[in-house]
């Protein structure tokens, strides 16, 4: 049996860390940072979202463009009546602030010269525009 060789005791962790730090310090002193641009940019720092202590508004805003406010009134001009008879289409004046999604997905809108917004509501073939116009009191 071979005689046991005594292993060297490993260096304590503090001494090892100190030696590593000294080595890093030497390389830092030797090396030089090369600036390749004449401008200097600040590093991007962490930007956290605001966490207010209280809400800015006590209650949510009321929607002023509700279903009654979007469509103002039906248009009863000669041209609108012709469109009702020929194309099965009703014509309405709509709030200018209303968007297409609010009016309806199947509604086309136009801005008139007087600043009003005009919509054409094309009805499905199984509905008659004249009957619908009679029911809502246009004709």
C-alpha atoms as a PDB file:
ATOM      1  CA  UNK A   1       0.000   0.000   0.000  1.00  0.00           C
ATOM      2  CA  UNK A   2       1.316   3.406  -1.046  1.00  0.00           C
ATOM      3  CA  UNK A   3       1.902   5.996   1.606  1.00  0.00           C
ATOM      4  CA  UNK A   4      -0.805   8.653   1.725  1.00  0.00           C
ATOM      5  CA  UNK A   5       0.215  11.972   0.265  1.00  0.00           C
ATOM      6  CA  UNK A   6      -0.904  14.885   2.286  1.00  0.00           C
ATOM      7  CA  UNK A   7      -2.971  17.287   0.153  1.00  0.00           C
ATOM      8  CA  UNK A   8      -2.459  20.991   0.545  1.00  0.00           C
ATOM      9  CA  UNK A   9      -5.257  22.641   2.418  1.00  0.00           C
ATOM     10  CA  UNK A  10      -7.354  24.784   0.040  1.00  0.00           C
ATOM     11  CA  UNK A  11      -6.960  28.509   0.507  1.00  0.00           C
ATOM     12  CA  UNK A  12      -9.653  30.028   2.677  1.00  0.00           C
ATOM     13  CA  UNK A  13     -12.448  31.635   0.611  1.00  0.00           C
ATOM     14  CA  UNK A  14     -11.638  35.170   1.790  1.00  0.00           C
ATOM     15  CA  UNK A  15      -8.042  34.956   0.643  1.00  0.00           C
ATOM     16  CA  UNK A  16      -9.152  33.460  -2.684  1.00  0.00           C
ATOM     17  CA  UNK A  17     -11.623  36.261  -3.239  1.00  0.00           C
ATOM     18  CA  UNK A  18      -9.016  38.869  -2.357  1.00  0.00           C
ATOM     19  CA  UNK A  19      -6.544  37.415  -4.854  1.00  0.00           C
ATOM     20  CA  UNK A  20      -9.232  37.392  -7.560  1.00  0.00           C
ATOM     21  CA  UNK A  21     -10.101  41.022  -6.833  1.00  0.00           C
ATOM     22  CA  UNK A  22      -6.458  42.089  -7.005  1.00  0.00           C
ATOM     23  CA  UNK A  23      -6.057  40.334 -10.348  1.00  0.00           C
ATOM     24  CA  UNK A  24      -9.149  42.100 -11.706  1.00  0.00           C
ATOM     25  CA  UNK A  25      -7.853  45.427 -10.415  1.00  0.00           C
ATOM     26  CA  UNK A  26      -4.544  44.961 -12.251  1.00  0.00           C
ATOM     27  CA  UNK A  27      -6.304  44.231 -15.556  1.00  0.00           C
ATOM     28  CA  UNK A  28      -8.565  47.254 -15.087  1.00  0.00           C
ATOM     29  CA  UNK A  29      -5.561  49.492 -14.496  1.00  0.00           C
ATOM     30  CA  UNK A  30      -3.828  48.140 -17.601  1.00  0.00           C
ATOM     31  CA  UNK A  31      -6.825  48.359 -19.929  1.00  0.00           C
ATOM     32  CA  UNK A  32      -8.185  51.567 -21.389  1.00  0.00           C
ATOM     33  CA  UNK A  33     -11.742  52.292 -22.526  1.00  0.00           C
ATOM     34  CA  UNK A  34     -11.758  53.289 -26.177  1.00  0.00           C
ATOM     35  CA  UNK A  35     -14.411  55.864 -27.045  1.00  0.00           C
ATOM     36  CA  UNK A  36     -15.391  55.577 -30.694  1.00  0.00           C
ATOM     37  CA  UNK A  37     -18.101  58.248 -30.722  1.00  0.00           C
ATOM     38  CA  UNK A  38     -17.876  61.970 -29.887  1.00  0.00           C
ATOM     39  CA  UNK A  39     -21.220  61.825 -28.055  1.00  0.00           C
ATOM     40  CA  UNK A  40     -21.831  60.285 -24.662  1.00  0.00           C
ATOM     41  CA  UNK A  41     -25.135  58.568 -23.903  1.00  0.00           C
ATOM     42  CA  UNK A  42     -26.468  58.099 -20.424  1.00  0.00           C
ATOM     43  CA  UNK A  43     -27.329  54.501 -19.559  1.00  0.00           C
ATOM     44  CA  UNK A  44     -30.956  53.404 -19.693  1.00  0.00           C
ATOM     45  CA  UNK A  45     -32.260  53.367 -16.134  1.00  0.00           C
ATOM     46  CA  UNK A  46     -35.244  51.472 -14.782  1.00  0.00           C
ATOM     47  CA  UNK A  47     -38.470  53.426 -15.192  1.00  0.00           C
ATOM     48  CA  UNK A  48     -41.202  52.202 -12.879  1.00  0.00           C
ATOM     49  CA  UNK A  49     -44.908  52.792 -13.430  1.00  0.00           C
ATOM     50  CA  UNK A  50     -46.558  55.374 -11.216  1.00  0.00           C
ATOM     51  CA  UNK A  51     -48.319  54.046  -8.142  1.00  0.00           C
ATOM     52  CA  UNK A  52     -50.549  56.912  -6.961  1.00  0.00           C
ATOM     53  CA  UNK A  53     -51.857  57.034  -3.412  1.00  0.00           C
ATOM     54  CA  UNK A  54     -55.318  58.078  -4.650  1.00  0.00           C
ATOM     55  CA  UNK A  55     -57.070  58.177  -8.070  1.00  0.00           C
ATOM     56  CA  UNK A  56     -56.997  61.408 -10.058  1.00  0.00           C
ATOM     57  CA  UNK A  57     -60.715  61.161 -10.779  1.00  0.00           C
ATOM     58  CA  UNK A  58     -63.204  60.045  -8.151  1.00  0.00           C
ATOM     59  CA  UNK A  59     -65.625  58.568 -10.706  1.00  0.00           C
ATOM     60  CA  UNK A  60     -65.167  57.395 -14.301  1.00  0.00           C
ATOM     61  CA  UNK A  61     -66.304  59.777 -17.037  1.00  0.00           C
ATOM     62  CA  UNK A  62     -69.855  59.476 -18.314  1.00  0.00           C
ATOM     63  CA  UNK A  63     -70.100  58.461 -21.964  1.00  0.00           C
ATOM     64  CA  UNK A  64     -71.751  61.435 -23.655  1.00  0.00           C
ATOM     65  CA  UNK A  65     -72.152  59.572 -26.948  1.00  0.00           C
ATOM     66  CA  UNK A  66     -74.748  57.061 -25.850  1.00  0.00           C
ATOM     67  CA  UNK A  67     -77.098  55.254 -28.224  1.00  0.00           C
ATOM     68  CA  UNK A  68     -79.619  58.118 -28.246  1.00  0.00           C
ATOM     69  CA  UNK A  69     -76.994  60.786 -28.979  1.00  0.00           C
ATOM     70  CA  UNK A  70     -75.247  59.078 -31.906  1.00  0.00           C
ATOM     71  CA  UNK A  71     -78.134  59.122 -34.433  1.00  0.00           C
ATOM     72  CA  UNK A  72     -79.724  62.581 -34.432  1.00  0.00           C
ATOM     73  CA  UNK A  73     -82.552  62.352 -36.977  1.00  0.00           C
ATOM     74  CA  UNK A  74     -83.459  60.778 -40.322  1.00  0.00           C
ATOM     75  CA  UNK A  75     -82.912  62.820 -43.471  1.00  0.00           C
ATOM     76  CA  UNK A  76     -86.065  63.358 -45.547  1.00  0.00           C
ATOM     77  CA  UNK A  77     -84.763  65.209 -48.601  1.00  0.00           C
ATOM     78  CA  UNK A  78     -85.749  64.234 -52.134  1.00  0.00           C
ATOM     79  CA  UNK A  79     -82.403  62.518 -52.687  1.00  0.00           C
ATOM     80  CA  UNK A  80     -82.763  60.554 -49.441  1.00  0.00           C
ATOM     81  CA  UNK A  81     -86.263  59.406 -50.440  1.00  0.00           C
ATOM     82  CA  UNK A  82     -84.963  58.304 -53.856  1.00  0.00           C
ATOM     83  CA  UNK A  83     -82.246  56.275 -52.116  1.00  0.00           C
ATOM     84  CA  UNK A  84     -84.870  54.709 -49.844  1.00  0.00           C
ATOM     85  CA  UNK A  85     -86.972  53.580 -52.812  1.00  0.00           C
ATOM     86  CA  UNK A  86     -84.221  52.543 -55.234  1.00  0.00           C
ATOM     87  CA  UNK A  87     -81.427  51.174 -53.034  1.00  0.00           C
ATOM     88  CA  UNK A  88     -83.373  49.994 -49.954  1.00  0.00           C
ATOM     89  CA  UNK A  89     -81.280  52.442 -47.882  1.00  0.00           C
ATOM     90  CA  UNK A  90     -82.249  54.768 -45.013  1.00  0.00           C
ATOM     91  CA  UNK A  91     -80.368  58.057 -44.531  1.00  0.00           C
ATOM     92  CA  UNK A  92     -79.676  59.488 -41.043  1.00  0.00           C
ATOM     93  CA  UNK A  93     -77.853  62.529 -39.660  1.00  0.00           C
ATOM     94  CA  UNK A  94     -75.337  61.381 -37.043  1.00  0.00           C
ATOM     95  CA  UNK A  95     -73.223  63.062 -34.348  1.00  0.00           C
ATOM     96  CA  UNK A  96     -69.902  64.229 -35.820  1.00  0.00           C
ATOM     97  CA  UNK A  97     -67.906  62.694 -32.953  1.00  0.00           C
ATOM     98  CA  UNK A  98     -69.408  59.233 -33.479  1.00  0.00           C
ATOM     99  CA  UNK A  99     -67.102  56.794 -35.224  1.00  0.00           C
ATOM    100  CA  UNK A 100     -67.977  53.988 -37.595  1.00  0.00           C
ATOM    101  CA  UNK A 101     -67.921  51.310 -34.917  1.00  0.00           C
ATOM    102  CA  UNK A 102     -70.332  53.286 -32.793  1.00  0.00           C
ATOM    103  CA  UNK A 103     -72.734  53.924 -35.635  1.00  0.00           C
ATOM    104  CA  UNK A 104     -72.654  50.330 -36.906  1.00  0.00           C
ATOM    105  CA  UNK A 105     -70.387  48.124 -38.944  1.00  0.00           C
ATOM    106  CA  UNK A 106     -72.678  48.169 -41.985  1.00  0.00           C
ATOM    107  CA  UNK A 107     -73.221  51.957 -42.050  1.00  0.00           C
ATOM    108  CA  UNK A 108     -71.450  54.329 -44.437  1.00  0.00           C
ATOM    109  CA  UNK A 109     -70.840  57.922 -43.269  1.00  0.00           C
ATOM    110  CA  UNK A 110     -70.289  61.221 -45.068  1.00  0.00           C
ATOM    111  CA  UNK A 111     -69.568  64.747 -43.821  1.00  0.00           C
ATOM    112  CA  UNK A 112     -71.994  67.222 -45.363  1.00  0.00           C
ATOM    113  CA  UNK A 113     -71.025  70.788 -46.380  1.00  0.00           C
ATOM    114  CA  UNK A 114     -72.873  72.184 -43.340  1.00  0.00           C
ATOM    115  CA  UNK A 115     -70.620  70.129 -41.037  1.00  0.00           C
ATOM    116  CA  UNK A 116     -73.158  67.425 -40.190  1.00  0.00           C
ATOM    117  CA  UNK A 117     -72.322  63.762 -40.601  1.00  0.00           C
ATOM    118  CA  UNK A 118     -74.669  61.738 -42.818  1.00  0.00           C
ATOM    119  CA  UNK A 119     -75.060  57.958 -42.764  1.00  0.00           C
ATOM    120  CA  UNK A 120     -76.528  55.508 -45.217  1.00  0.00           C
ATOM    121  CA  UNK A 121     -78.016  52.425 -43.559  1.00  0.00           C
ATOM    122  CA  UNK A 122     -78.372  49.691 -46.141  1.00  0.00           C
ATOM    123  CA  UNK A 123     -80.994  47.180 -45.099  1.00  0.00           C
ATOM    124  CA  UNK A 124     -80.935  43.461 -45.765  1.00  0.00           C
ATOM    125  CA  UNK A 125     -83.028  42.262 -48.728  1.00  0.00           C
ATOM    126  CA  UNK A 126     -85.642  40.709 -46.421  1.00  0.00           C
ATOM    127  CA  UNK A 127     -86.469  44.193 -44.991  1.00  0.00           C
ATOM    128  CA  UNK A 128     -88.193  46.871 -47.059  1.00  0.00           C
ATOM    129  CA  UNK A 129     -86.803  50.378 -46.495  1.00  0.00           C
ATOM    130  CA  UNK A 130     -90.174  52.017 -47.199  1.00  0.00           C
ATOM    131  CA  UNK A 131     -91.871  49.927 -44.494  1.00  0.00           C
ATOM    132  CA  UNK A 132     -89.138  50.735 -41.973  1.00  0.00           C
ATOM    133  CA  UNK A 133     -89.303  54.443 -42.900  1.00  0.00           C
ATOM    134  CA  UNK A 134     -93.072  54.382 -42.339  1.00  0.00           C
ATOM    135  CA  UNK A 135     -92.661  52.725 -38.939  1.00  0.00           C
ATOM    136  CA  UNK A 136     -90.163  55.294 -37.650  1.00  0.00           C
ATOM    137  CA  UNK A 137     -92.181  58.180 -39.125  1.00  0.00           C
ATOM    138  CA  UNK A 138     -89.958  59.480 -41.917  1.00  0.00           C
ATOM    139  CA  UNK A 139     -92.636  59.217 -44.602  1.00  0.00           C
END
